N, C-alpha and C. Protein backbone atom coordinates (compact mmCIF):
# COMPACT_ATOMS: atom_id res chain seq x y z
N MET A 1 8.79 99.05 96.71
CA MET A 1 9.80 99.89 97.48
C MET A 1 10.80 98.66 98.71
N ALA A 2 12.51 99.10 98.20
CA ALA A 2 12.76 98.29 98.93
C ALA A 2 13.36 98.90 100.14
N ALA A 3 13.38 97.91 101.07
CA ALA A 3 13.81 98.38 102.67
C ALA A 3 14.91 99.66 102.94
N GLN A 4 14.45 100.32 103.67
CA GLN A 4 15.47 101.43 104.04
C GLN A 4 16.47 100.77 105.19
N VAL A 5 16.03 100.39 106.27
CA VAL A 5 16.61 99.25 106.96
C VAL A 5 16.21 97.95 107.60
N LYS A 6 17.23 97.35 107.73
CA LYS A 6 17.09 95.97 108.37
C LYS A 6 18.43 95.28 108.67
N ASN A 7 17.91 94.71 109.62
CA ASN A 7 18.96 93.86 110.93
C ASN A 7 18.28 92.89 111.39
N ILE A 8 19.05 91.67 110.77
CA ILE A 8 18.89 90.39 111.32
C ILE A 8 20.04 89.82 112.33
N GLU A 9 19.68 89.45 113.30
CA GLU A 9 20.83 89.17 114.41
C GLU A 9 20.76 87.71 114.78
N VAL A 10 21.43 86.75 115.06
CA VAL A 10 21.21 85.29 115.32
C VAL A 10 22.30 85.11 116.59
N SER A 11 21.52 84.45 117.50
CA SER A 11 22.54 84.48 118.42
C SER A 11 23.50 83.59 118.37
N ASN A 12 24.49 83.31 119.19
CA ASN A 12 25.64 82.72 118.90
C ASN A 12 25.78 81.05 119.08
N ASP A 13 24.35 80.55 119.98
CA ASP A 13 24.03 79.02 119.60
C ASP A 13 22.86 78.86 118.05
N CYS A 14 22.54 80.14 117.70
CA CYS A 14 21.83 79.82 116.49
C CYS A 14 19.96 79.42 116.67
N LYS A 15 19.71 79.79 118.24
CA LYS A 15 18.13 79.65 118.32
C LYS A 15 17.57 80.72 118.53
N THR A 16 17.67 82.07 118.49
CA THR A 16 17.28 83.06 118.68
C THR A 16 17.52 83.99 117.59
N ILE A 17 16.38 84.55 116.76
CA ILE A 17 17.05 85.43 116.07
C ILE A 17 15.89 86.68 116.26
N SER A 18 16.37 88.05 116.11
CA SER A 18 15.66 89.14 116.24
C SER A 18 15.93 89.81 115.03
N PHE A 19 15.06 90.55 114.41
CA PHE A 19 14.53 91.23 113.12
C PHE A 19 14.18 92.79 113.47
N VAL A 20 14.77 93.47 112.72
CA VAL A 20 14.26 94.76 112.72
C VAL A 20 14.22 95.65 111.20
N GLY A 21 13.17 96.23 110.95
CA GLY A 21 13.15 96.44 109.46
C GLY A 21 12.55 97.65 108.97
N THR A 22 12.91 98.74 108.67
CA THR A 22 11.90 100.06 108.40
C THR A 22 11.22 99.81 106.94
N ASN A 23 10.15 100.06 106.46
CA ASN A 23 9.73 99.96 105.10
C ASN A 23 8.14 100.46 105.37
N SER A 24 7.66 101.57 104.56
CA SER A 24 6.38 101.91 104.59
C SER A 24 5.50 101.00 103.95
N SER A 25 5.81 100.19 103.64
CA SER A 25 4.69 98.76 102.97
C SER A 25 4.68 97.94 104.17
N PHE A 26 5.15 97.69 105.25
CA PHE A 26 5.11 97.13 106.62
C PHE A 26 4.02 97.46 107.08
N ALA A 27 3.03 98.57 106.65
CA ALA A 27 1.51 99.14 107.67
C ALA A 27 0.85 97.63 107.60
N GLY A 28 0.59 97.05 106.58
CA GLY A 28 -0.32 95.94 106.72
C GLY A 28 0.08 94.64 107.09
N THR A 29 1.46 94.44 107.91
CA THR A 29 2.03 92.90 108.22
C THR A 29 1.02 92.62 109.17
N ASP A 30 0.85 91.36 108.64
CA ASP A 30 0.02 90.17 109.91
C ASP A 30 1.07 89.53 110.53
N THR A 31 2.09 88.50 109.57
CA THR A 31 3.00 87.79 109.88
C THR A 31 4.55 87.84 109.43
N ALA A 32 5.14 87.02 109.77
CA ALA A 32 6.63 86.97 109.01
C ALA A 32 6.64 85.45 109.05
N THR A 33 7.33 84.74 108.12
CA THR A 33 8.35 83.37 108.12
C THR A 33 9.54 83.42 108.24
N ILE A 34 10.14 82.42 108.93
CA ILE A 34 11.50 82.38 109.10
C ILE A 34 12.13 80.94 108.44
N THR A 35 12.77 80.80 107.17
CA THR A 35 13.01 79.60 107.01
C THR A 35 14.54 79.16 106.56
N THR A 36 15.05 78.26 106.67
CA THR A 36 16.40 77.88 106.79
C THR A 36 16.66 77.00 105.69
N SER A 37 17.73 77.24 105.07
CA SER A 37 18.17 76.26 103.98
C SER A 37 18.55 75.04 104.44
N ASN A 38 18.94 74.63 105.69
CA ASN A 38 19.12 73.37 106.20
C ASN A 38 17.52 72.93 106.41
N ASN A 39 17.36 71.74 105.71
CA ASN A 39 16.18 70.98 105.71
C ASN A 39 14.80 71.83 105.74
N GLU A 40 14.92 72.88 105.16
CA GLU A 40 13.85 74.08 104.72
C GLU A 40 12.78 74.22 106.22
N ASP A 41 13.61 74.03 107.37
CA ASP A 41 12.74 74.36 108.65
C ASP A 41 12.36 75.84 108.84
N SER A 42 11.13 75.72 108.83
CA SER A 42 10.03 76.96 109.06
C SER A 42 9.58 77.61 110.42
N ILE A 43 9.48 78.53 110.68
CA ILE A 43 9.19 79.06 111.84
C ILE A 43 8.04 80.24 111.58
N THR A 44 7.02 80.45 111.92
CA THR A 44 5.76 81.09 111.69
C THR A 44 5.92 82.32 112.99
N VAL A 45 6.13 83.61 112.54
CA VAL A 45 6.07 84.81 113.76
C VAL A 45 4.79 85.41 113.59
N SER A 46 3.67 84.99 114.42
CA SER A 46 2.45 85.59 114.51
C SER A 46 2.13 86.70 114.75
N ALA A 47 1.24 87.60 114.38
CA ALA A 47 0.61 89.31 114.70
C ALA A 47 1.27 89.30 115.86
N GLY A 48 0.96 88.76 117.01
CA GLY A 48 0.91 89.13 118.30
C GLY A 48 2.72 89.00 118.56
N ASP A 49 3.50 88.59 117.98
CA ASP A 49 4.86 88.36 118.39
C ASP A 49 5.45 89.54 117.64
N ILE A 50 4.98 90.48 116.74
CA ILE A 50 5.58 91.28 115.71
C ILE A 50 4.98 93.05 116.34
N ALA A 51 5.94 93.51 116.63
CA ALA A 51 5.57 94.99 116.96
C ALA A 51 6.01 95.91 115.68
N LEU A 52 4.92 96.60 115.48
CA LEU A 52 5.17 97.46 114.46
C LEU A 52 4.76 99.12 115.07
N ASP A 53 5.64 99.79 114.54
CA ASP A 53 5.48 101.29 115.06
C ASP A 53 6.07 102.24 114.05
N THR A 54 5.30 102.92 113.40
CA THR A 54 5.69 103.85 112.19
C THR A 54 6.68 103.18 111.25
N ASN A 55 6.11 102.28 110.59
CA ASN A 55 6.51 101.54 109.26
C ASN A 55 7.82 100.73 110.05
N THR A 56 8.35 100.92 111.17
CA THR A 56 9.03 99.97 111.65
C THR A 56 8.72 98.42 112.37
N LEU A 57 8.84 97.56 111.90
CA LEU A 57 8.91 96.09 112.33
C LEU A 57 9.91 95.45 113.23
N SER A 58 9.77 94.81 114.09
CA SER A 58 10.58 94.33 114.73
C SER A 58 9.82 92.99 115.40
N PHE A 59 10.85 91.53 115.82
CA PHE A 59 10.34 90.74 116.23
C PHE A 59 11.43 90.10 117.05
N THR A 60 11.52 89.13 118.00
CA THR A 60 12.45 88.19 118.25
C THR A 60 11.68 86.80 118.06
N LYS A 61 12.28 86.06 117.85
CA LYS A 61 11.67 84.56 117.87
C LYS A 61 12.93 83.64 118.45
N ILE A 62 12.47 82.56 119.49
CA ILE A 62 13.27 81.66 119.94
C ILE A 62 12.81 80.42 119.58
N SER A 63 13.91 79.65 118.93
CA SER A 63 13.53 78.22 118.39
C SER A 63 14.12 77.08 119.32
N SER A 64 13.59 76.03 119.36
CA SER A 64 13.80 75.16 120.05
C SER A 64 15.27 73.98 119.55
N ALA A 65 15.50 74.25 117.92
CA ALA A 65 16.32 73.88 117.24
C ALA A 65 17.03 75.10 116.74
N ALA A 66 18.57 74.53 116.27
CA ALA A 66 19.32 75.73 116.20
C ALA A 66 18.90 75.99 114.74
N LEU A 67 19.19 77.09 114.20
CA LEU A 67 18.55 77.59 112.86
C LEU A 67 20.08 77.51 112.17
N VAL A 68 20.38 76.54 110.95
CA VAL A 68 21.47 76.56 110.51
C VAL A 68 21.25 76.58 108.97
N GLY A 69 22.40 77.31 108.39
CA GLY A 69 22.36 78.01 107.12
C GLY A 69 21.79 79.30 106.85
N VAL A 70 21.52 79.11 105.60
CA VAL A 70 20.87 80.70 104.90
C VAL A 70 19.55 81.06 105.87
N ILE A 71 19.62 81.90 106.20
CA ILE A 71 17.84 82.50 106.96
C ILE A 71 17.47 83.21 105.69
N LYS A 72 15.92 83.14 105.73
CA LYS A 72 15.26 83.90 104.91
C LYS A 72 14.05 84.25 105.66
N VAL A 73 13.76 85.65 106.20
CA VAL A 73 12.67 86.23 106.82
C VAL A 73 12.26 86.97 105.48
N GLN A 74 10.39 86.73 105.75
CA GLN A 74 9.94 86.96 104.71
C GLN A 74 8.34 87.70 105.66
N ILE A 75 8.30 88.71 105.21
CA ILE A 75 7.44 89.64 105.98
C ILE A 75 6.23 89.58 105.06
N LEU A 76 4.71 89.39 105.47
CA LEU A 76 3.67 89.10 105.16
C LEU A 76 2.61 89.76 105.27
N ASN A 77 1.72 90.35 104.41
CA ASN A 77 0.96 90.92 104.84
C ASN A 77 -0.35 89.92 104.86
N SER A 78 -1.68 90.63 105.14
CA SER A 78 -2.87 89.96 106.10
C SER A 78 -3.17 88.92 104.49
N GLY A 79 -2.85 89.23 103.40
CA GLY A 79 -3.36 88.39 102.48
C GLY A 79 -2.45 87.07 102.22
N LEU A 80 -1.38 87.09 103.23
CA LEU A 80 -0.33 86.20 103.03
C LEU A 80 0.67 86.63 101.78
N SER A 81 0.62 87.57 101.10
CA SER A 81 1.62 88.12 100.19
C SER A 81 2.75 88.86 100.49
N VAL A 82 3.85 88.26 100.08
CA VAL A 82 5.20 88.30 100.30
C VAL A 82 5.49 89.98 100.26
N VAL A 83 5.71 90.55 101.49
CA VAL A 83 5.99 92.41 101.12
C VAL A 83 7.27 92.40 101.12
N GLU A 84 8.10 91.83 101.94
CA GLU A 84 9.41 91.95 101.92
C GLU A 84 10.20 90.60 101.95
N GLU A 85 11.70 90.39 101.53
CA GLU A 85 12.26 88.92 101.92
C GLU A 85 13.59 89.46 102.06
N PHE A 86 14.02 89.21 103.43
CA PHE A 86 15.48 89.29 103.61
C PHE A 86 16.23 88.29 104.02
N LEU A 87 17.56 88.03 103.81
CA LEU A 87 18.50 87.10 103.73
C LEU A 87 19.51 87.26 105.05
N SER A 88 19.74 86.28 105.63
CA SER A 88 21.20 86.42 106.42
C SER A 88 21.82 84.99 106.60
N ILE A 89 22.59 85.06 107.41
CA ILE A 89 23.09 83.66 107.66
C ILE A 89 23.43 83.36 109.03
N ALA A 90 23.07 82.10 109.45
CA ALA A 90 23.05 81.28 110.82
C ALA A 90 24.32 80.38 110.62
N SER A 91 25.77 81.06 111.16
CA SER A 91 26.76 80.26 110.97
C SER A 91 27.26 79.65 112.06
N CYS A 92 26.51 79.52 113.40
CA CYS A 92 27.15 78.71 114.40
C CYS A 92 27.96 77.36 114.08
N GLN A 93 27.27 76.92 113.41
CA GLN A 93 28.07 75.26 113.17
C GLN A 93 29.67 75.83 112.59
N ILE A 94 29.63 76.36 111.46
CA ILE A 94 30.67 76.47 110.83
C ILE A 94 31.77 77.38 111.70
N ASP A 95 30.91 78.08 112.29
CA ASP A 95 32.00 79.20 113.46
C ASP A 95 32.79 78.23 114.16
N CYS A 96 32.12 77.16 114.54
CA CYS A 96 32.45 76.00 115.65
C CYS A 96 33.77 75.28 114.64
N CYS A 97 33.33 74.87 113.68
CA CYS A 97 34.58 74.21 112.82
C CYS A 97 35.72 74.94 112.85
N ILE A 98 35.58 76.41 112.14
CA ILE A 98 36.66 76.86 111.95
C ILE A 98 37.75 77.10 113.37
N ALA A 99 36.49 77.08 114.56
CA ALA A 99 37.64 77.38 115.76
C ALA A 99 38.30 76.36 116.10
N LYS A 100 37.58 75.25 115.76
CA LYS A 100 38.35 73.60 116.14
C LYS A 100 39.35 73.67 115.37
N LEU A 101 39.52 73.89 114.02
CA LEU A 101 40.51 73.91 112.79
C LEU A 101 41.72 74.98 113.32
N VAL A 102 41.24 75.95 113.72
CA VAL A 102 42.52 77.19 114.08
C VAL A 102 43.15 76.46 115.38
N GLU A 103 42.32 76.23 116.89
CA GLU A 103 42.86 75.43 117.73
C GLU A 103 43.66 74.16 117.29
N SER A 104 43.52 73.60 116.65
CA SER A 104 44.20 72.20 115.89
C SER A 104 45.73 72.63 115.65
N ALA A 105 45.44 73.76 114.53
CA ALA A 105 46.83 74.58 113.93
C ALA A 105 47.73 74.84 115.12
N ILE A 106 46.95 75.94 116.10
CA ILE A 106 47.48 76.33 117.19
C ILE A 106 48.54 75.30 117.87
N THR A 107 47.91 73.96 118.54
CA THR A 107 48.41 73.36 119.08
C THR A 107 49.25 72.07 118.55
N CYS A 108 49.21 72.10 117.40
CA CYS A 108 49.73 71.08 116.43
C CYS A 108 51.26 71.48 116.90
N ASP A 109 52.11 70.01 117.43
CA ASP A 109 53.47 70.02 117.35
C ASP A 109 54.01 68.91 116.33
N CYS A 110 53.31 68.47 115.59
CA CYS A 110 54.35 67.68 114.21
C CYS A 110 54.81 68.55 113.37
N HIS A 111 56.06 68.32 112.93
CA HIS A 111 57.09 69.16 111.90
C HIS A 111 56.80 68.95 110.67
N CYS A 112 55.52 68.89 110.08
CA CYS A 112 55.02 68.54 108.98
C CYS A 112 54.03 69.53 108.66
N ASP A 113 53.03 69.40 107.40
CA ASP A 113 52.36 70.16 106.52
C ASP A 113 51.03 70.06 107.06
N LYS A 114 50.59 69.19 108.08
CA LYS A 114 49.44 69.16 108.95
C LYS A 114 48.93 70.44 109.49
N CYS A 115 49.78 70.89 110.15
CA CYS A 115 49.52 72.35 111.03
C CYS A 115 48.97 73.46 110.17
N LYS A 116 49.66 73.37 109.16
CA LYS A 116 49.26 74.60 108.07
C LYS A 116 48.14 74.27 107.20
N GLU A 117 47.76 73.03 106.83
CA GLU A 117 46.57 72.69 106.33
C GLU A 117 45.57 72.55 106.93
N ASP A 118 45.56 72.84 108.39
CA ASP A 118 44.16 73.06 109.56
C ASP A 118 43.92 74.73 109.33
N LEU A 119 45.08 75.27 109.27
CA LEU A 119 45.09 76.82 109.23
C LEU A 119 44.63 77.25 107.71
N ASP A 120 44.89 76.71 106.79
CA ASP A 120 44.35 77.11 105.55
C ASP A 120 42.92 76.55 105.18
N ARG A 121 42.75 75.28 105.48
CA ARG A 121 41.34 75.06 105.69
C ARG A 121 40.41 76.08 106.27
N ALA A 122 40.76 76.38 107.41
CA ALA A 122 39.96 77.28 108.71
C ALA A 122 39.78 78.73 107.46
N GLU A 123 40.86 78.85 107.02
CA GLU A 123 40.97 80.39 106.09
C GLU A 123 40.07 80.08 105.30
N LYS A 124 40.03 78.93 104.01
CA LYS A 124 39.03 78.78 103.10
C LYS A 124 37.67 79.02 103.30
N ILE A 125 37.34 78.22 104.38
CA ILE A 125 35.83 78.15 105.07
C ILE A 125 35.70 79.47 105.65
N HIS A 126 36.75 79.99 106.46
CA HIS A 126 35.90 81.66 106.50
C HIS A 126 35.72 82.11 105.68
N LEU A 127 36.32 82.38 104.35
CA LEU A 127 36.41 83.02 103.30
C LEU A 127 35.17 83.04 102.54
N LEU A 128 34.51 81.28 102.50
CA LEU A 128 33.43 81.10 101.71
C LEU A 128 32.38 81.44 102.89
N LEU A 129 32.49 81.33 104.12
CA LEU A 129 31.37 81.95 104.65
C LEU A 129 31.06 83.34 104.59
N GLN A 130 32.11 84.14 104.55
CA GLN A 130 32.17 85.69 104.36
C GLN A 130 31.36 85.82 102.80
N ALA A 131 32.03 85.05 101.81
CA ALA A 131 31.00 85.21 100.67
C ALA A 131 29.69 85.16 100.68
N ALA A 132 29.17 83.86 101.50
CA ALA A 132 27.88 83.83 101.66
C ALA A 132 26.79 84.54 102.29
N LYS A 133 27.58 85.05 103.17
CA LYS A 133 27.26 86.12 104.08
C LYS A 133 26.82 87.27 102.88
N TYR A 134 27.92 87.62 102.48
CA TYR A 134 27.87 88.90 101.14
C TYR A 134 26.70 88.70 100.18
N ALA A 135 26.58 87.61 99.81
CA ALA A 135 25.55 87.07 98.72
C ALA A 135 24.27 87.21 99.00
N ALA A 136 24.03 86.61 100.54
CA ALA A 136 22.76 86.45 100.99
C ALA A 136 22.33 88.18 101.46
N GLU A 137 23.32 88.95 102.25
CA GLU A 137 22.73 90.25 102.65
C GLU A 137 22.77 91.42 101.88
N GLN A 138 23.89 91.47 100.98
CA GLN A 138 24.37 92.64 100.18
C GLN A 138 23.73 92.66 98.58
N GLU A 139 23.65 91.23 98.43
CA GLU A 139 23.21 91.00 96.96
C GLU A 139 21.53 90.21 97.01
N GLY A 140 21.53 89.77 98.32
CA GLY A 140 19.94 89.32 98.30
C GLY A 140 19.49 87.85 97.21
N ASN A 141 20.99 87.62 96.99
CA ASN A 141 21.05 86.13 96.14
C ASN A 141 20.81 84.74 97.38
N TYR A 142 19.93 84.32 97.13
CA TYR A 142 19.31 83.20 97.86
C TYR A 142 20.47 81.86 97.66
N ASP A 143 20.25 81.48 96.22
CA ASP A 143 20.67 80.43 95.75
C ASP A 143 22.55 80.59 96.00
N ASP A 144 23.00 81.63 95.56
CA ASP A 144 24.14 81.71 95.76
C ASP A 144 24.77 81.78 97.05
N ALA A 145 24.30 81.91 97.84
CA ALA A 145 24.43 82.25 99.26
C ALA A 145 24.28 80.56 100.19
N VAL A 146 23.29 80.11 99.53
CA VAL A 146 23.30 78.55 99.92
C VAL A 146 24.47 77.71 99.42
N ASP A 147 24.56 77.78 97.91
CA ASP A 147 26.00 77.29 97.22
C ASP A 147 27.20 77.38 98.13
N LYS A 148 27.18 78.69 98.48
CA LYS A 148 28.50 78.84 99.42
C LYS A 148 28.59 78.39 100.86
N TYR A 149 27.35 78.54 101.57
CA TYR A 149 27.21 77.97 102.78
C TYR A 149 27.55 76.84 102.69
N LYS A 150 26.81 75.75 101.91
CA LYS A 150 27.04 74.05 101.62
C LYS A 150 28.69 74.20 101.44
N ARG A 151 29.33 74.86 100.65
CA ARG A 151 30.60 74.59 100.21
C ARG A 151 31.56 74.53 101.36
N ALA A 152 30.99 75.51 102.55
CA ALA A 152 32.29 75.46 103.74
C ALA A 152 31.29 74.58 104.43
N GLN A 153 30.19 74.06 104.50
CA GLN A 153 29.68 73.33 105.52
C GLN A 153 30.70 72.05 105.07
N GLU A 154 30.62 71.50 103.53
CA GLU A 154 31.38 70.01 103.32
C GLU A 154 32.58 70.07 103.58
N MET A 155 33.56 71.53 103.49
CA MET A 155 34.63 71.69 103.84
C MET A 155 35.29 71.29 105.24
N CYS A 156 34.02 71.60 106.35
CA CYS A 156 33.97 71.17 107.82
C CYS A 156 33.92 69.64 107.72
N THR A 157 32.92 69.14 107.03
CA THR A 157 32.72 67.79 107.38
C THR A 157 33.71 66.99 106.67
N GLU A 158 34.69 67.23 105.85
CA GLU A 158 35.61 66.31 104.99
C GLU A 158 36.29 66.07 106.08
N VAL A 159 36.88 67.03 106.80
CA VAL A 159 37.91 66.89 108.00
C VAL A 159 37.51 65.82 108.84
N CYS A 160 37.01 66.35 109.60
CA CYS A 160 36.36 65.42 110.70
C CYS A 160 35.17 65.74 111.39
N ALA A 161 34.23 66.13 110.89
CA ALA A 161 32.83 66.64 111.13
C ALA A 161 32.76 67.28 112.16
N CYS A 162 34.06 68.11 112.77
CA CYS A 162 34.05 69.06 113.59
C CYS A 162 33.48 68.56 115.11
N GLY A 163 32.28 67.82 114.88
CA GLY A 163 31.43 68.23 116.33
C GLY A 163 30.89 69.02 117.00
N CYS A 164 30.58 69.80 115.98
CA CYS A 164 29.77 70.97 116.39
C CYS A 164 28.31 70.81 116.22
């Protein structure tokens, strides 16, 4: 049974993730895992951190390191079988890159195409990021979301590594 409601929120610093989901199959949930596409970092959410109320499951987890890339939240039952899987994007590094490129384009005072190039690059990165979010959150396509996220990330590092 597909989830009727789900919401994954990632904080601006990408260190806090909050999840709320509704599904009748959540009744036997014991744990959840959060995995990121960047280095396959993984965080376990224990039963004590999960609130379950009339088929609505929720938790908030804080990480010491930023969650980066495509986020996979797996809800597991007591037998550690996956009940549901949800995808989202932790975009703080790419958002920072886009902001720096836009700032560079706005403050640019040269009379050449450099200013427009920065703005065009920021736009392409933003569109790739939106496509990654769509692939993750609407289509549930992890591989496509990772591919689009990595292309956006590469476009950021090609220019200046953005320092984010």
